[in-house]
Amino acid sequence: NTRQPGCTNVCFDHFFPVSHIRLWALQL
């Protein structure tokens, strides 16, 4: 809930450092 440039990308990288999908692919 902000329009500050870069805020959404930084928050997403913090809460999703590695995607589930990529971790599962590497695991398989």
PDB file of all heavy atoms in Angstrom:
ATOM      1  N   ASN A   1       0.826  -1.209   0.000  1.00  0.00           N
ATOM      2  CA  ASN A   1       0.000   0.000   0.000  1.00  0.00           C
ATOM      3  C   ASN A   1       0.866   1.268   0.000  1.00  0.00           C
ATOM      4  O   ASN A   1       0.784   2.113   0.899  1.00  0.00           O
ATOM      5  CB  ASN A   1      -0.967   0.003   1.189  1.00  0.00           C
ATOM      6  CG  ASN A   1      -0.248  -0.095   2.520  1.00  0.00           C
ATOM      7  OD1 ASN A   1       0.970  -0.288   2.559  1.00  0.00           O
ATOM      8  ND2 ASN A   1      -0.990   0.034   3.604  1.00  0.00           N
ATOM      9  N   THR A   2       1.739   1.348  -0.995  1.00  0.00           N
ATOM     10  CA  THR A   2       2.570   2.535  -1.187  1.00  0.00           C
ATOM     11  C   THR A   2       2.970   2.627  -2.663  1.00  0.00           C
ATOM     12  O   THR A   2       3.037   1.612  -3.344  1.00  0.00           O
ATOM     13  CB  THR A   2       3.840   2.483  -0.316  1.00  0.00           C
ATOM     14  OG1 THR A   2       4.619   3.652  -0.546  1.00  0.00           O
ATOM     15  CG2 THR A   2       4.668   1.275  -0.654  1.00  0.00           C
ATOM     16  N   ARG A   3       3.224   3.837  -3.120  1.00  0.00           N
ATOM     17  CA  ARG A   3       3.702   4.035  -4.485  1.00  0.00           C
ATOM     18  C   ARG A   3       5.177   4.419  -4.520  1.00  0.00           C
ATOM     19  O   ARG A   3       5.681   4.836  -5.559  1.00  0.00           O
ATOM     20  CB  ARG A   3       2.867   5.128  -5.172  1.00  0.00           C
ATOM     21  CG  ARG A   3       1.415   4.719  -5.406  1.00  0.00           C
ATOM     22  CD  ARG A   3       0.672   5.761  -6.212  1.00  0.00           C
ATOM     23  NE  ARG A   3      -0.700   5.383  -6.468  1.00  0.00           N
ATOM     24  CZ  ARG A   3      -1.094   4.602  -7.481  1.00  0.00           C
ATOM     25  NH1 ARG A   3      -0.188   4.139  -8.320  1.00  0.00           N
ATOM     26  NH2 ARG A   3      -2.357   4.301  -7.642  1.00  0.00           N
ATOM     27  N   GLN A   4       5.843   4.285  -3.402  1.00  0.00           N
ATOM     28  CA  GLN A   4       7.261   4.591  -3.346  1.00  0.00           C
ATOM     29  C   GLN A   4       8.038   3.659  -4.279  1.00  0.00           C
ATOM     30  O   GLN A   4       7.970   2.428  -4.142  1.00  0.00           O
ATOM     31  CB  GLN A   4       7.773   4.441  -1.911  1.00  0.00           C
ATOM     32  CG  GLN A   4       9.263   4.660  -1.742  1.00  0.00           C
ATOM     33  CD  GLN A   4       9.661   6.113  -1.996  1.00  0.00           C
ATOM     34  OE1 GLN A   4       8.888   7.022  -1.715  1.00  0.00           O
ATOM     35  NE2 GLN A   4      10.856   6.316  -2.520  1.00  0.00           N
ATOM     36  N   PRO A   5       8.791   4.173  -5.254  1.00  0.00           N
ATOM     37  CA  PRO A   5       9.544   3.317  -6.176  1.00  0.00           C
ATOM     38  C   PRO A   5      10.555   2.440  -5.439  1.00  0.00           C
ATOM     39  O   PRO A   5      11.304   2.915  -4.586  1.00  0.00           O
ATOM     40  CB  PRO A   5      10.252   4.318  -7.105  1.00  0.00           C
ATOM     41  CG  PRO A   5       9.430   5.564  -7.011  1.00  0.00           C
ATOM     42  CD  PRO A   5       8.904   5.608  -5.607  1.00  0.00           C
ATOM     43  N   GLY A   6      10.558   1.154  -5.769  1.00  0.00           N
ATOM     44  CA  GLY A   6      11.514   0.212  -5.187  1.00  0.00           C
ATOM     45  C   GLY A   6      11.053  -0.451  -3.911  1.00  0.00           C
ATOM     46  O   GLY A   6      11.616  -1.473  -3.518  1.00  0.00           O
ATOM     47  N   CYS A   7      10.048   0.103  -3.253  1.00  0.00           N
ATOM     48  CA  CYS A   7       9.612  -0.456  -1.964  1.00  0.00           C
ATOM     49  C   CYS A   7       9.053  -1.868  -2.137  1.00  0.00           C
ATOM     50  O   CYS A   7       9.405  -2.784  -1.386  1.00  0.00           O
ATOM     51  CB  CYS A   7       8.567   0.457  -1.326  1.00  0.00           C
ATOM     52  SG  CYS A   7       7.926  -0.168   0.254  1.00  0.00           S
ATOM     53  N   THR A   8       8.205  -2.067  -3.127  1.00  0.00           N
ATOM     54  CA  THR A   8       7.586  -3.381  -3.341  1.00  0.00           C
ATOM     55  C   THR A   8       8.647  -4.435  -3.657  1.00  0.00           C
ATOM     56  O   THR A   8       8.599  -5.560  -3.130  1.00  0.00           O
ATOM     57  CB  THR A   8       6.558  -3.310  -4.478  1.00  0.00           C
ATOM     58  OG1 THR A   8       5.549  -2.356  -4.133  1.00  0.00           O
ATOM     59  CG2 THR A   8       5.909  -4.661  -4.714  1.00  0.00           C
ATOM     60  N   ASN A   9       9.617  -4.077  -4.499  1.00  0.00           N
ATOM     61  CA  ASN A   9      10.661  -5.039  -4.866  1.00  0.00           C
ATOM     62  C   ASN A   9      11.529  -5.418  -3.673  1.00  0.00           C
ATOM     63  O   ASN A   9      11.884  -6.594  -3.491  1.00  0.00           O
ATOM     64  CB  ASN A   9      11.542  -4.458  -5.975  1.00  0.00           C
ATOM     65  CG  ASN A   9      10.830  -4.398  -7.307  1.00  0.00           C
ATOM     66  OD1 ASN A   9       9.892  -5.150  -7.545  1.00  0.00           O
ATOM     67  ND2 ASN A   9      11.254  -3.496  -8.174  1.00  0.00           N
ATOM     68  N   VAL A  10      11.856  -4.438  -2.845  1.00  0.00           N
ATOM     69  CA  VAL A  10      12.687  -4.714  -1.671  1.00  0.00           C
ATOM     70  C   VAL A  10      11.942  -5.595  -0.674  1.00  0.00           C
ATOM     71  O   VAL A  10      12.512  -6.556  -0.126  1.00  0.00           O
ATOM     72  CB  VAL A  10      13.120  -3.383  -1.008  1.00  0.00           C
ATOM     73  CG1 VAL A  10      13.758  -3.653   0.346  1.00  0.00           C
ATOM     74  CG2 VAL A  10      14.097  -2.629  -1.894  1.00  0.00           C
ATOM     75  N   CYS A  11      10.677  -5.303  -0.454  1.00  0.00           N
ATOM     76  CA  CYS A  11       9.883  -6.109   0.482  1.00  0.00           C
ATOM     77  C   CYS A  11       9.690  -7.531  -0.032  1.00  0.00           C
ATOM     78  O   CYS A  11       9.758  -8.496   0.733  1.00  0.00           O
ATOM     79  CB  CYS A  11       8.533  -5.436   0.714  1.00  0.00           C
ATOM     80  SG  CYS A  11       8.643  -3.852   1.580  1.00  0.00           S
ATOM     81  N   PHE A  12       9.449  -7.668  -1.328  1.00  0.00           N
ATOM     82  CA  PHE A  12       9.280  -9.013  -1.897  1.00  0.00           C
ATOM     83  C   PHE A  12      10.563  -9.821  -1.755  1.00  0.00           C
ATOM     84  O   PHE A  12      10.524 -11.013  -1.413  1.00  0.00           O
ATOM     85  CB  PHE A  12       8.884  -8.900  -3.367  1.00  0.00           C
ATOM     86  CG  PHE A  12       8.685 -10.234  -4.030  1.00  0.00           C
ATOM     87  CD1 PHE A  12       7.473 -10.903  -3.919  1.00  0.00           C
ATOM     88  CD2 PHE A  12       9.714 -10.833  -4.760  1.00  0.00           C
ATOM     89  CE1 PHE A  12       7.289 -12.139  -4.522  1.00  0.00           C
ATOM     90  CE2 PHE A  12       9.536 -12.065  -5.360  1.00  0.00           C
ATOM     91  CZ  PHE A  12       8.328 -12.720  -5.247  1.00  0.00           C
ATOM     92  N   ASP A  13      11.706  -9.203  -2.006  1.00  0.00           N
ATOM     93  CA  ASP A  13      12.984  -9.906  -1.888  1.00  0.00           C
ATOM     94  C   ASP A  13      13.258 -10.301  -0.445  1.00  0.00           C
ATOM     95  O   ASP A  13      13.890 -11.337  -0.191  1.00  0.00           O
ATOM     96  CB  ASP A  13      14.104  -9.011  -2.417  1.00  0.00           C
ATOM     97  CG  ASP A  13      15.450  -9.710  -2.395  1.00  0.00           C
ATOM     98  OD1 ASP A  13      15.626 -10.661  -3.167  1.00  0.00           O
ATOM     99  OD2 ASP A  13      16.322  -9.305  -1.593  1.00  0.00           O
ATOM    100  N   HIS A  14      12.781  -9.499   0.511  1.00  0.00           N
ATOM    101  CA  HIS A  14      13.001  -9.806   1.922  1.00  0.00           C
ATOM    102  C   HIS A  14      12.156 -10.994   2.366  1.00  0.00           C
ATOM    103  O   HIS A  14      12.651 -11.883   3.079  1.00  0.00           O
ATOM    104  CB  HIS A  14      12.675  -8.581   2.778  1.00  0.00           C
ATOM    105  CG  HIS A  14      12.786  -8.831   4.250  1.00  0.00           C
ATOM    106  ND1 HIS A  14      14.003  -8.964   4.891  1.00  0.00           N
ATOM    107  CD2 HIS A  14      11.825  -8.963   5.212  1.00  0.00           C
ATOM    108  CE1 HIS A  14      13.798  -9.173   6.173  1.00  0.00           C
ATOM    109  NE2 HIS A  14      12.489  -9.187   6.407  1.00  0.00           N
ATOM    110  N   PHE A  15      10.889 -11.021   1.974  1.00  0.00           N
ATOM    111  CA  PHE A  15       9.994 -12.076   2.426  1.00  0.00           C
ATOM    112  C   PHE A  15      10.063 -13.327   1.547  1.00  0.00           C
ATOM    113  O   PHE A  15       9.670 -14.405   1.982  1.00  0.00           O
ATOM    114  CB  PHE A  15       8.549 -11.559   2.471  1.00  0.00           C
ATOM    115  CG  PHE A  15       8.315 -10.551   3.555  1.00  0.00           C
ATOM    116  CD1 PHE A  15       8.165  -9.212   3.255  1.00  0.00           C
ATOM    117  CD2 PHE A  15       8.273 -10.941   4.880  1.00  0.00           C
ATOM    118  CE1 PHE A  15       7.953  -8.267   4.256  1.00  0.00           C
ATOM    119  CE2 PHE A  15       8.068 -10.007   5.895  1.00  0.00           C
ATOM    120  CZ  PHE A  15       7.906  -8.665   5.575  1.00  0.00           C
ATOM    121  N   PHE A  16      10.546 -13.210   0.314  1.00  0.00           N
ATOM    122  CA  PHE A  16      10.707 -14.353  -0.588  1.00  0.00           C
ATOM    123  C   PHE A  16      12.149 -14.380  -1.115  1.00  0.00           C
ATOM    124  O   PHE A  16      12.380 -14.117  -2.295  1.00  0.00           O
ATOM    125  CB  PHE A  16       9.721 -14.265  -1.759  1.00  0.00           C
ATOM    126  CG  PHE A  16       8.286 -14.398  -1.365  1.00  0.00           C
ATOM    127  CD1 PHE A  16       7.538 -13.280  -1.061  1.00  0.00           C
ATOM    128  CD2 PHE A  16       7.695 -15.653  -1.300  1.00  0.00           C
ATOM    129  CE1 PHE A  16       6.213 -13.399  -0.704  1.00  0.00           C
ATOM    130  CE2 PHE A  16       6.361 -15.779  -0.942  1.00  0.00           C
ATOM    131  CZ  PHE A  16       5.615 -14.655  -0.634  1.00  0.00           C
ATOM    132  N   PRO A  17      13.130 -14.662  -0.255  1.00  0.00           N
ATOM    133  CA  PRO A  17      14.525 -14.658  -0.712  1.00  0.00           C
ATOM    134  C   PRO A  17      14.792 -15.677  -1.811  1.00  0.00           C
ATOM    135  O   PRO A  17      15.593 -15.445  -2.703  1.00  0.00           O
ATOM    136  CB  PRO A  17      15.322 -14.984   0.560  1.00  0.00           C
ATOM    137  CG  PRO A  17      14.343 -15.644   1.465  1.00  0.00           C
ATOM    138  CD  PRO A  17      13.012 -15.042   1.166  1.00  0.00           C
ATOM    139  N   VAL A  18      14.114 -16.839  -1.733  1.00  0.00           N
ATOM    140  CA  VAL A  18      14.202 -17.863  -2.777  1.00  0.00           C
ATOM    141  C   VAL A  18      12.793 -18.392  -3.018  1.00  0.00           C
ATOM    142  O   VAL A  18      12.067 -18.692  -2.063  1.00  0.00           O
ATOM    143  CB  VAL A  18      15.132 -19.022  -2.388  1.00  0.00           C
ATOM    144  CG1 VAL A  18      15.245 -20.024  -3.537  1.00  0.00           C
ATOM    145  CG2 VAL A  18      16.505 -18.517  -2.001  1.00  0.00           C
ATOM    146  N   SER A  19      12.412 -18.511  -4.266  1.00  0.00           N
ATOM    147  CA  SER A  19      11.072 -18.980  -4.592  1.00  0.00           C
ATOM    148  C   SER A  19      10.896 -20.451  -4.220  1.00  0.00           C
ATOM    149  O   SER A  19      11.829 -21.258  -4.335  1.00  0.00           O
ATOM    150  CB  SER A  19      10.810 -18.787  -6.087  1.00  0.00           C
ATOM    151  OG  SER A  19       9.599 -19.395  -6.470  1.00  0.00           O
ATOM    152  N   HIS A  20       9.687 -20.796  -3.770  1.00  0.00           N
ATOM    153  CA  HIS A  20       9.360 -22.195  -3.495  1.00  0.00           C
ATOM    154  C   HIS A  20       9.641 -23.068  -4.718  1.00  0.00           C
ATOM    155  O   HIS A  20      10.195 -24.165  -4.609  1.00  0.00           O
ATOM    156  CB  HIS A  20       7.880 -22.324  -3.111  1.00  0.00           C
ATOM    157  CG  HIS A  20       7.552 -21.813  -1.753  1.00  0.00           C
ATOM    158  ND1 HIS A  20       7.622 -20.481  -1.418  1.00  0.00           N
ATOM    159  CD2 HIS A  20       7.133 -22.470  -0.637  1.00  0.00           C
ATOM    160  CE1 HIS A  20       7.257 -20.333  -0.148  1.00  0.00           C
ATOM    161  NE2 HIS A  20       6.959 -21.512   0.351  1.00  0.00           N
ATOM    162  N   ILE A  21       9.228 -22.583  -5.881  1.00  0.00           N
ATOM    163  CA  ILE A  21       9.329 -23.359  -7.107  1.00  0.00           C
ATOM    164  C   ILE A  21      10.781 -23.696  -7.434  1.00  0.00           C
ATOM    165  O   ILE A  21      11.113 -24.840  -7.792  1.00  0.00           O
ATOM    166  CB  ILE A  21       8.682 -22.584  -8.276  1.00  0.00           C
ATOM    167  CG1 ILE A  21       7.163 -22.511  -8.074  1.00  0.00           C
ATOM    168  CG2 ILE A  21       9.006 -23.231  -9.608  1.00  0.00           C
ATOM    169  CD1 ILE A  21       6.490 -23.873  -8.058  1.00  0.00           C
ATOM    170  N   ARG A  22      11.671 -22.717  -7.307  1.00  0.00           N
ATOM    171  CA  ARG A  22      13.079 -22.969  -7.623  1.00  0.00           C
ATOM    172  C   ARG A  22      13.727 -23.905  -6.599  1.00  0.00           C
ATOM    173  O   ARG A  22      14.567 -24.742  -6.963  1.00  0.00           O
ATOM    174  CB  ARG A  22      13.831 -21.645  -7.702  1.00  0.00           C
ATOM    175  CG  ARG A  22      13.418 -20.805  -8.918  1.00  0.00           C
ATOM    176  CD  ARG A  22      14.098 -19.451  -8.932  1.00  0.00           C
ATOM    177  NE  ARG A  22      13.714 -18.691 -10.105  1.00  0.00           N
ATOM    178  CZ  ARG A  22      12.616 -17.948 -10.194  1.00  0.00           C
ATOM    179  NH1 ARG A  22      11.793 -17.864  -9.150  1.00  0.00           N
ATOM    180  NH2 ARG A  22      12.332 -17.291 -11.304  1.00  0.00           N
ATOM    181  N   LEU A  23      13.337 -23.773  -5.346  1.00  0.00           N
ATOM    182  CA  LEU A  23      13.859 -24.685  -4.331  1.00  0.00           C
ATOM    183  C   LEU A  23      13.370 -26.111  -4.580  1.00  0.00           C
ATOM    184  O   LEU A  23      14.142 -27.070  -4.466  1.00  0.00           O
ATOM    185  CB  LEU A  23      13.433 -24.216  -2.935  1.00  0.00           C
ATOM    186  CG  LEU A  23      14.300 -23.143  -2.273  1.00  0.00           C
ATOM    187  CD1 LEU A  23      13.697 -22.725  -0.946  1.00  0.00           C
ATOM    188  CD2 LEU A  23      15.718 -23.647  -2.067  1.00  0.00           C
ATOM    189  N   TRP A  24      12.091 -26.268  -4.915  1.00  0.00           N
ATOM    190  CA  TRP A  24      11.560 -27.596  -5.204  1.00  0.00           C
ATOM    191  C   TRP A  24      12.222 -28.205  -6.433  1.00  0.00           C
ATOM    192  O   TRP A  24      12.495 -29.395  -6.466  1.00  0.00           O
ATOM    193  CB  TRP A  24      10.042 -27.533  -5.399  1.00  0.00           C
ATOM    194  CG  TRP A  24       9.292 -27.497  -4.113  1.00  0.00           C
ATOM    195  CD1 TRP A  24       9.680 -28.043  -2.923  1.00  0.00           C
ATOM    196  CD2 TRP A  24       8.036 -26.866  -3.862  1.00  0.00           C
ATOM    197  NE1 TRP A  24       8.728 -27.790  -1.948  1.00  0.00           N
ATOM    198  CE2 TRP A  24       7.717 -27.077  -2.501  1.00  0.00           C
ATOM    199  CE3 TRP A  24       7.139 -26.146  -4.659  1.00  0.00           C
ATOM    200  CZ2 TRP A  24       6.541 -26.610  -1.931  1.00  0.00           C
ATOM    201  CZ3 TRP A  24       5.974 -25.680  -4.086  1.00  0.00           C
ATOM    202  CH2 TRP A  24       5.669 -25.904  -2.729  1.00  0.00           C
ATOM    203  N   ALA A  25      12.457 -27.386  -7.459  1.00  0.00           N
ATOM    204  CA  ALA A  25      13.119 -27.892  -8.668  1.00  0.00           C
ATOM    205  C   ALA A  25      14.524 -28.404  -8.333  1.00  0.00           C
ATOM    206  O   ALA A  25      14.922 -29.501  -8.762  1.00  0.00           O
ATOM    207  CB  ALA A  25      13.187 -26.798  -9.731  1.00  0.00           C
ATOM    208  N   LEU A  26      15.280 -27.618  -7.568  1.00  0.00           N
ATOM    209  CA  LEU A  26      16.626 -28.044  -7.168  1.00  0.00           C
ATOM    210  C   LEU A  26      16.570 -29.302  -6.302  1.00  0.00           C
ATOM    211  O   LEU A  26      17.386 -30.218  -6.453  1.00  0.00           O
ATOM    212  CB  LEU A  26      17.319 -26.907  -6.417  1.00  0.00           C
ATOM    213  CG  LEU A  26      18.751 -27.160  -5.951  1.00  0.00           C
ATOM    214  CD1 LEU A  26      19.662 -27.463  -7.133  1.00  0.00           C
ATOM    215  CD2 LEU A  26      19.283 -25.973  -5.166  1.00  0.00           C
ATOM    216  N   GLN A  27      15.594 -29.366  -5.406  1.00  0.00           N
ATOM    217  CA  GLN A  27      15.437 -30.533  -4.546  1.00  0.00           C
ATOM    218  C   GLN A  27      15.146 -31.787  -5.360  1.00  0.00           C
ATOM    219  O   GLN A  27      15.742 -32.853  -5.118  1.00  0.00           O
ATOM    220  CB  GLN A  27      14.318 -30.277  -3.539  1.00  0.00           C
ATOM    221  CG  GLN A  27      14.082 -31.428  -2.569  1.00  0.00           C
ATOM    222  CD  GLN A  27      12.945 -31.139  -1.612  1.00  0.00           C
ATOM    223  OE1 GLN A  27      12.268 -30.120  -1.718  1.00  0.00           O
ATOM    224  NE2 GLN A  27      12.718 -32.033  -0.676  1.00  0.00           N
ATOM    225  N   LEU A  28      14.233 -31.696  -6.331  1.00  0.00           N
ATOM    226  CA  LEU A  28      13.885 -32.857  -7.148  1.00  0.00           C
ATOM    227  C   LEU A  28      15.071 -33.324  -7.987  1.00  0.00           C
ATOM    228  O   LEU A  28      15.269 -34.526  -8.184  1.00  0.00           O
ATOM    229  CB  LEU A  28      12.695 -32.515  -8.055  1.00  0.00           C
ATOM    230  CG  LEU A  28      11.342 -32.404  -7.358  1.00  0.00           C
ATOM    231  CD1 LEU A  28      10.286 -31.866  -8.314  1.00  0.00           C
ATOM    232  CD2 LEU A  28      10.910 -33.765  -6.816  1.00  0.00           C
TER     233      LEU A  28
END
